[in-house]
Protein backbone atom coordinates (compact mmCIF):
# COMPACT_ATOMS: atom_id res chain seq x y z
CA MET A 1 64.54 56.39 -37.41
CA PRO A 2 61.97 54.24 -38.47
CA PRO A 3 59.04 54.01 -35.86
CA VAL A 4 58.94 50.88 -33.77
CA PRO A 5 55.93 48.71 -34.41
CA GLN A 6 54.00 48.33 -31.28
CA GLN A 7 53.18 45.07 -29.99
CA ARG A 8 49.87 44.26 -30.25
CA THR A 9 48.35 42.75 -26.67
CA PRO A 10 46.74 39.34 -27.41
CA ARG A 11 42.80 39.52 -26.88
CA ARG A 12 41.76 37.34 -24.33
CA ARG A 13 39.10 34.83 -26.31
CA ARG A 14 35.58 34.70 -24.65
CA ILE A 15 34.73 31.07 -23.74
CA TRP A 16 31.16 30.50 -24.46
CA THR A 17 29.08 28.79 -22.36
CA PRO A 18 25.51 27.67 -23.14
CA GLY A 19 23.08 29.15 -20.68
CA LEU A 20 19.62 31.24 -19.99
CA PRO A 21 19.51 34.69 -18.21
CA SER A 22 18.35 33.60 -14.68
CA GLY A 23 14.86 35.07 -15.28
CA VAL A 24 13.95 33.08 -18.40
CA ALA A 25 15.46 29.87 -16.60
CA LEU A 26 12.90 30.63 -13.46
CA ALA A 27 10.05 31.05 -16.22
CA VAL A 28 10.82 28.08 -17.58
CA CYS A 29 11.18 25.84 -14.50
CA ALA A 30 7.63 27.21 -13.76
CA LEU A 31 6.26 26.24 -16.64
CA ALA A 32 7.80 22.71 -16.40
CA LEU A 33 6.48 22.25 -12.79
CA LEU A 34 2.75 23.41 -13.91
CA GLY A 35 3.04 20.83 -17.13
CA TRP A 36 4.50 18.59 -14.59
CA LYS A 37 1.17 19.30 -12.18
CA GLN A 38 -1.14 19.34 -14.85
CA VAL A 39 -0.06 15.67 -16.41
CA THR A 40 -0.33 14.27 -13.01
CA ALA A 41 -3.49 15.79 -11.86
CA ASP A 42 -5.84 12.73 -12.78
CA ARG A 43 -3.47 10.37 -10.50
CA TRP A 44 -5.25 11.27 -7.26
CA PRO A 45 -3.37 11.57 -5.04
CA THR A 46 -0.60 10.06 -6.13
CA SER A 47 0.61 7.37 -8.73
CA ASP A 48 1.60 3.56 -7.70
CA LEU A 49 0.55 4.39 -4.26
CA GLU A 50 1.66 0.94 -2.70
CA ALA A 51 4.88 0.20 -4.20
CA VAL A 52 6.93 2.24 -2.30
CA VAL A 53 9.71 0.24 -1.27
CA GLY A 54 10.21 -2.63 -3.87
CA GLU A 55 7.09 -4.66 -3.04
CA ARG A 56 6.57 -8.31 -4.46
CA LEU A 57 3.89 -10.93 -4.45
CA LEU A 58 4.55 -13.55 -2.11
CA TRP A 59 2.55 -17.05 -1.99
CA ILE A 60 0.44 -17.98 0.91
CA GLY A 61 -0.75 -21.19 -0.55
CA PRO A 62 -3.77 -22.76 -2.94
CA GLY A 63 -6.88 -20.96 -2.59
CA LEU A 64 -5.26 -18.19 -0.39
CA GLY A 65 -2.90 -16.62 -3.14
CA ALA A 66 -0.45 -13.99 -2.91
CA TYR A 67 -0.14 -10.70 -1.21
CA TRP A 68 1.91 -7.74 -1.37
CA CYS A 69 4.82 -7.40 1.11
CA THR A 70 7.83 -5.11 1.13
CA LEU A 71 11.37 -6.73 0.28
CA GLY A 72 12.47 -6.33 3.58
CA MET A 73 9.93 -8.34 5.75
CA GLU A 74 12.60 -10.91 6.80
CA GLN A 75 14.66 -8.60 8.20
CA ALA A 76 12.17 -6.15 9.38
CA ASP A 77 12.08 -5.14 13.12
CA VAL A 78 8.06 -4.43 12.85
CA VAL A 79 5.99 -5.72 10.46
CA ILE A 80 2.50 -4.05 9.83
CA VAL A 81 -0.11 -6.19 8.55
CA GLY A 82 -3.57 -5.26 7.11
CA ASP A 83 -5.62 -4.38 3.85
CA SER A 84 -5.15 -1.85 1.08
CA ARG A 85 -5.67 1.08 3.97
CA VAL A 86 -2.44 0.25 5.69
CA ALA A 87 -0.91 0.40 1.85
CA HIS A 88 -2.16 4.00 1.71
CA GLY A 89 -1.80 4.78 5.23
CA ILE A 90 1.33 3.86 6.36
CA HIS A 91 4.23 6.00 4.58
CA GLN A 92 6.99 3.47 4.31
CA SER A 93 9.37 6.56 3.38
CA ILE A 94 9.13 7.82 6.75
CA ALA A 95 8.02 4.68 8.74
CA SER A 96 11.60 3.13 9.20
CA GLN A 97 12.97 6.58 10.27
CA LEU A 98 10.65 7.27 13.44
CA GLY A 99 12.79 5.13 16.16
CA ILE A 100 11.19 1.84 15.91
CA GLY A 101 13.70 -0.04 13.63
CA LYS A 102 13.07 -1.14 9.95
CA VAL A 103 9.34 -1.41 9.15
CA ALA A 104 7.51 -3.77 6.75
CA ILE A 105 4.14 -3.67 5.07
CA ALA A 106 2.25 -6.68 4.22
CA TRP A 107 -1.39 -6.42 2.89
CA GLY A 108 -3.85 -7.64 0.63
CA HIS A 109 -6.83 -6.03 -1.05
CA ALA A 110 -9.93 -6.97 1.01
CA ALA A 111 -7.69 -9.67 2.45
CA ARG A 112 -8.82 -12.05 5.52
CA MET A 113 -6.33 -11.39 8.21
CA LEU A 114 -6.19 -14.87 9.19
CA ASP A 115 -4.35 -15.37 5.62
CA LEU A 116 -2.11 -12.93 6.27
CA LEU A 117 -0.43 -14.27 9.48
CA GLN A 118 0.15 -17.69 8.25
CA PRO A 119 3.58 -16.65 6.85
CA LEU A 120 4.40 -15.06 10.11
CA LEU A 121 3.42 -18.07 12.12
CA GLU A 122 6.08 -19.74 10.21
CA GLU A 123 8.85 -17.18 10.45
CA PRO A 124 11.60 -18.41 12.75
CA ASN A 125 12.33 -15.09 14.02
CA PRO A 126 9.86 -13.25 16.30
CA ARG A 127 9.57 -9.20 16.56
CA THR A 128 6.77 -6.76 16.59
CA VAL A 129 3.77 -7.34 14.52
CA VAL A 130 0.96 -4.58 13.98
CA LEU A 131 -2.48 -6.07 12.83
CA SER A 132 -4.85 -3.54 11.32
CA LEU A 133 -8.07 -4.94 12.14
CA THR A 134 -11.37 -4.23 10.08
CA PRO A 135 -14.71 -6.14 10.45
CA LEU A 136 -14.01 -7.05 6.71
CA GLY A 137 -10.74 -8.40 7.27
CA LEU A 138 -12.20 -11.13 9.76
CA VAL A 139 -13.74 -12.97 6.64
CA GLY A 140 -12.23 -11.10 3.59
CA ARG A 141 -13.96 -10.29 0.41
CA PRO A 142 -11.33 -10.75 -2.44
CA ASN A 143 -12.51 -10.40 -5.79
CA PRO A 144 -14.16 -13.74 -7.10
CA PRO A 145 -12.10 -14.52 -10.41
CA ILE A 146 -9.03 -13.44 -8.72
CA VAL A 147 -9.97 -16.25 -6.41
CA GLU A 148 -10.58 -18.77 -8.98
CA SER A 149 -7.40 -17.79 -10.65
CA LEU A 150 -5.57 -18.71 -7.43
CA ARG A 151 -6.49 -22.51 -7.09
CA GLU A 152 -3.01 -23.31 -8.19
CA PHE A 153 0.30 -21.03 -8.22
CA HIS A 154 0.75 -19.82 -11.50
CA PRO A 155 3.32 -17.54 -13.30
CA ALA A 156 2.17 -14.38 -12.46
CA CYS A 157 2.83 -15.05 -8.75
CA ASP A 158 6.46 -15.58 -9.18
CA PRO A 159 8.50 -12.36 -10.29
CA THR A 160 11.09 -14.55 -11.64
CA SER A 161 8.99 -15.71 -14.58
CA PRO A 162 9.54 -14.41 -17.96
CA PRO A 163 6.73 -12.19 -19.32
CA TYR A 164 5.88 -14.54 -22.01
CA LEU A 165 5.21 -17.34 -19.62
CA VAL A 166 2.55 -14.92 -17.75
CA LYS A 167 1.14 -14.27 -21.46
CA GLN A 168 0.71 -18.09 -22.04
CA TRP A 169 -0.78 -18.38 -18.76
CA THR A 170 -3.57 -15.67 -19.22
CA GLU A 171 -4.30 -17.06 -22.49
CA THR A 172 -5.36 -20.44 -21.27
CA GLU A 173 -6.68 -18.87 -18.07
CA LEU A 174 -8.99 -16.71 -19.71
CA PRO A 175 -11.33 -19.08 -21.13
CA HIS A 176 -11.10 -21.04 -17.78
CA LEU A 177 -12.88 -18.14 -15.98
CA VAL A 178 -15.40 -17.68 -18.82
CA GLU A 179 -16.33 -21.27 -18.66
CA MET A 180 -16.76 -20.80 -15.02
CA GLY A 181 -19.33 -18.17 -15.69
CA PHE A 182 -17.39 -14.98 -15.34
CA ASP A 183 -18.28 -12.22 -17.60
CA PRO A 184 -15.54 -12.04 -20.46
CA THR A 185 -14.98 -8.58 -19.94
CA TYR A 186 -14.68 -8.71 -16.22
CA ALA A 187 -12.31 -12.02 -16.76
CA ALA A 188 -10.00 -10.10 -19.29
CA GLY A 189 -9.70 -7.17 -16.63
CA THR A 190 -8.57 -9.65 -14.34
CA MET A 191 -5.96 -11.15 -16.70
CA ARG A 192 -4.96 -7.30 -17.24
CA TRP A 193 -4.73 -6.79 -13.80
CA TRP A 194 -2.23 -10.10 -13.03
CA ILE A 195 -0.13 -8.90 -15.95
CA ALA A 196 0.01 -5.55 -14.19
CA GLN A 197 0.77 -7.10 -10.87
CA HIS A 198 3.62 -9.27 -12.15
CA ARG A 199 5.19 -6.57 -14.26
CA ARG A 200 5.34 -4.45 -11.02
CA SER A 201 6.95 -7.39 -9.03
CA ARG A 202 9.36 -8.30 -11.76
CA ALA A 203 10.85 -4.95 -11.93
CA ALA A 204 11.19 -4.79 -8.51
CA PHE A 205 13.31 -8.37 -8.47
CA LEU A 206 15.31 -7.41 -11.67
CA ARG A 207 16.32 -3.90 -9.72
CA SER A 208 17.14 -6.14 -6.64
CA LYS A 209 19.71 -8.13 -8.70
CA ARG A 210 21.97 -5.65 -9.90
CA PHE A 211 25.43 -5.04 -8.45
CA PHE A 212 23.74 -2.23 -6.79
CA ASP A 213 20.47 -3.16 -5.25
CA SER A 214 18.57 -0.06 -6.34
CA ALA A 215 15.12 -1.55 -5.81
CA GLY A 216 14.55 0.09 -2.71
CA LEU A 217 16.38 3.58 -3.56
CA ASP A 218 14.73 3.90 -6.60
CA LEU A 219 11.16 3.43 -5.77
CA ARG A 220 11.91 5.17 -2.35
CA LEU A 221 13.18 8.37 -4.34
CA SER A 222 9.56 7.95 -6.66
CA HIS A 223 8.06 7.73 -3.33
CA MET A 224 9.42 10.82 -1.46
CA ALA A 225 9.00 12.63 -4.71
CA ASP A 226 5.29 11.82 -5.21
CA ARG A 227 4.43 12.25 -1.08
CA ALA A 228 5.97 16.03 -1.73
CA ARG A 229 4.06 16.58 -4.95
CA SER A 230 0.86 15.66 -2.87
CA LEU A 231 1.70 17.24 0.26
CA TRP A 232 2.94 20.76 -1.25
CA LEU A 233 2.87 21.01 -4.91
CA ASN A 234 -0.52 19.48 -5.38
CA PRO A 235 -2.35 19.29 -1.82
CA ILE A 236 -5.57 17.70 -1.22
CA GLU A 237 -7.46 20.78 -0.55
CA PRO A 238 -10.27 21.25 -0.82
CA PHE A 239 -11.40 17.97 -0.03
CA GLU A 240 -13.30 15.96 -2.66
CA TRP A 241 -14.62 12.45 -3.00
CA GLN A 242 -13.19 9.98 -5.33
CA ASP A 243 -14.81 7.03 -6.68
CA GLY A 244 -13.80 3.99 -4.08
CA TRP A 245 -14.45 0.34 -4.96
CA TRP A 246 -17.67 0.11 -3.88
CA ARG A 247 -18.39 2.90 -6.52
CA ALA A 248 -20.07 5.50 -4.23
CA PRO A 249 -18.91 9.17 -4.57
CA ASN A 250 -20.20 9.80 -1.03
CA PRO A 251 -20.50 6.45 0.88
CA HIS A 252 -22.98 6.45 3.66
CA ALA A 253 -24.75 3.45 5.41
CA GLY A 254 -27.38 2.81 2.43
CA ASP A 255 -24.52 2.15 0.16
CA ALA A 256 -25.63 -1.55 -1.34
CA TYR A 257 -22.38 -2.77 -2.57
CA TYR A 258 -20.44 -2.02 0.73
CA HIS A 259 -23.06 -2.72 2.99
CA GLU A 260 -23.54 -6.24 1.23
CA ALA A 261 -20.25 -7.41 2.71
CA LEU A 262 -21.10 -6.41 6.14
CA ALA A 263 -24.63 -7.23 6.04
CA PRO A 264 -26.11 -9.13 8.80
CA ALA A 265 -26.20 -12.62 6.86
CA GLY A 266 -22.66 -12.58 7.23
CA ALA A 267 -22.59 -11.96 11.37
CA LEU A 268 -21.86 -15.49 12.15
CA ALA A 269 -18.83 -16.11 9.66
CA ARG A 270 -17.56 -12.80 11.25
CA HIS A 271 -17.64 -14.14 14.28
CA GLU A 272 -15.89 -17.19 13.75
CA GLY A 273 -13.47 -15.33 11.80
CA ALA A 274 -13.03 -13.32 14.97
CA LEU A 275 -12.15 -16.73 17.15
CA ALA A 276 -9.81 -17.94 14.59
CA LEU A 277 -7.97 -14.63 14.57
CA ILE A 278 -7.93 -14.57 18.36
CA GLN A 279 -6.23 -18.43 18.14
CA ALA A 280 -3.90 -17.17 15.84
CA ILE A 281 -2.54 -13.97 17.98
CA GLU A 282 -2.36 -16.47 21.08
CA GLN A 283 0.02 -18.71 18.59
CA LEU A 284 2.49 -15.81 17.92
CA LYS A 285 2.31 -14.42 21.37
CA ALA A 286 3.41 -18.15 22.27
CA ARG A 287 6.06 -18.01 19.68
CA GLY A 288 7.62 -14.82 20.96
CA TRP A 289 5.96 -12.09 18.83
CA GLU A 290 5.18 -9.04 20.39
CA VAL A 291 1.37 -8.07 18.93
CA LEU A 292 -0.34 -4.75 18.57
CA ALA A 293 -3.46 -4.17 16.78
CA ILE A 294 -4.93 -1.01 15.43
CA ARG A 295 -7.88 0.08 13.80
CA MET A 296 -7.38 2.47 10.81
CA PRO A 297 -9.01 6.10 10.82
CA VAL A 298 -12.03 6.37 8.01
CA GLU A 299 -14.88 8.70 7.10
CA PRO A 300 -18.25 8.75 9.57
CA GLY A 301 -20.28 6.93 6.88
CA ILE A 302 -17.81 4.18 6.28
CA ARG A 303 -17.26 3.51 10.29
CA GLU A 304 -21.07 3.48 10.71
CA ILE A 305 -21.28 0.68 7.93
CA GLU A 306 -18.52 -1.37 9.62
CA ASP A 307 -19.93 -0.87 13.19
CA ALA A 308 -23.29 -1.97 12.26
CA ASN A 309 -24.18 -5.57 12.80
CA GLY A 310 -21.75 -6.29 15.28
CA GLY A 311 -18.62 -5.31 13.64
CA GLU A 312 -17.05 -3.26 16.37
CA ALA A 313 -18.02 -5.46 18.89
CA GLU A 314 -16.15 -8.55 17.27
CA LEU A 315 -13.27 -6.29 16.94
CA ASN A 316 -13.41 -5.36 20.53
CA SER A 317 -13.57 -8.98 21.73
CA ILE A 318 -10.10 -9.86 19.92
CA TRP A 319 -8.11 -7.53 22.02
CA GLN A 320 -10.14 -7.96 25.00
CA ALA A 321 -9.59 -11.58 24.44
CA THR A 322 -5.95 -11.83 23.87
CA GLY A 323 -4.95 -8.60 25.83
CA ILE A 324 -3.16 -7.04 23.30
CA PRO A 325 -2.57 -3.49 23.00
CA PHE A 326 -5.51 -2.05 20.54
CA LEU A 327 -5.26 1.68 19.10
CA ASP A 328 -8.49 2.91 17.39
CA PHE A 329 -8.18 5.95 15.29
CA GLY A 330 -11.91 6.33 15.16
CA VAL A 331 -13.45 8.69 12.28
CA GLU A 332 -11.73 11.75 10.77
CA VAL A 333 -13.50 14.06 8.28
CA ASN A 334 -11.82 15.19 5.10
CA THR A 335 -8.90 12.82 5.60
CA THR A 336 -9.28 10.34 2.72
CA THR A 337 -9.51 10.20 -0.98
CA ASP A 338 -12.44 7.83 -0.96
CA GLY A 339 -13.89 7.58 2.74
CA SER A 340 -11.69 4.81 3.08
CA HIS A 341 -8.14 5.16 2.25
CA LEU A 342 -6.06 8.34 3.74
CA ASN A 343 -4.52 11.12 2.00
CA TRP A 344 -1.17 11.95 2.34
CA ARG A 345 -1.50 14.24 5.00
CA ALA A 346 -3.62 12.04 7.61
CA ALA A 347 -1.12 9.31 6.29
CA ASP A 348 1.67 11.26 7.59
CA ALA A 349 0.13 11.57 10.81
CA THR A 350 -1.28 8.31 11.09
CA THR A 351 2.50 6.62 10.43
CA ARG A 352 3.87 8.76 13.30
CA ALA A 353 1.14 7.78 15.74
CA VAL A 354 1.65 4.15 14.96
CA ALA A 355 5.36 4.60 15.39
CA GLU A 356 4.51 6.36 18.87
CA PHE A 357 2.34 3.33 19.65
CA VAL A 358 5.09 0.90 19.20
CA ARG A 359 7.59 3.03 21.30
CA ALA A 360 4.95 2.97 24.04
CA LYS A 361 4.56 -0.47 23.85
CA ARG A 362 8.38 -1.34 24.04
CA SER A 363 9.15 1.25 26.83
CA GLY A 364 6.19 -0.55 29.04
CA SER A 365 3.85 2.41 29.21
CA LEU A 366 1.01 0.71 27.77
C-alpha cells in the first residue's frame, strides 16, 4: 500500500506588533524628559504663569484700561483681587477644590486696587471678595506708554477683534507714542506687548466658542503640568534670585527703581488712596459683599521698602477703619523667584492658607 500522506499542521502566523524592549522604552522616556527639562529650563519657574484657566482682558474705562480676569468671575463664589503677586501666588488649579466654591482672580500689573474694584461695585450678585493689599496698590504704578494707549478703547482690548485690526491699530498707535515723547524702542515693545496680550486673550475666547468649551480644560491641564514640573521635575531648589521688574538681582531697601515708587514724596497720594479704598470697601459691604483682605508674602528686602515711609501704617488703617478680617503673611525667605512673586511651592501653601482664611470667616471664627 502506498504510504498515506500526512497532513501538515498549519503554522500559526505570528502577528507582528511594533514596539520596543521595555529597557529601551524606559531609556527613551528618560531622554525625552531630560530634553523637556533642558528646553524649559530658561522659563523660570514656569511658562505662562498667569494664563491658568482661560483669562481675558476686561475693560474698566478710559484711562483705567483693561485688567486680566478668569472667565468665571461672574459665576465665582470667591473673587480674589490684586496685582501680579496674586496671579503668581494663587493657584487656580487647586483654589476651587479647597471647599470655598469657585474661585476667580482679577488682577493687573502694578494696578491701583480702587480701579480693579470698579467692576465689582457694579455686580448685581454680591459674594465674597478677597483684596490683596500692597502700598503700591494704593496709587498704582502702571507702565506709562500703556497708560497712554488706554486713553480710549481699542481693538487689542477686545478678544473678538481679528488680529489684522490689532495690527492696524498698532501701526497708528506707535507713531502717536513716539510723538508723545516715548522712546521708539520702548514704544515698539509696548505694541508687541499688546499684540501678545490680545493673542492670548483671543485664544481663550475662541476656545470658549467651541461646541465643547475647552478653554478651561485646555489651560487647566497645561497649568497642572507646569505646576507638576516646577514642583517635582524641576523644583526651585536651591533658591536663586531672578531679575524682577525693578531690575535688581537681590532687592534691598536701597534699590532705586522700586524705592522711587514708594518714596516719601508719594506719602500723601498713598494716604488719599487708602481713604478712597476705605470708601469703596464700605460700598461693597453695603451692597452685601463679604470682604476680606490679605497681604501676600514677600522677601524681607521688599517688605522693608514697602513698610518704609508709612506703607504698613496705611494698610493697617484700612482694615482697622472697615473692620474687615486681615491676614498678613509677613516675610518669607527663599520662597519667591524675584523677591516679590512666589515660587510654586510657596504659592501652593499660600493658596491653601487663603482658602482656610475664607472658611474661617464663613464659619464665624474670625
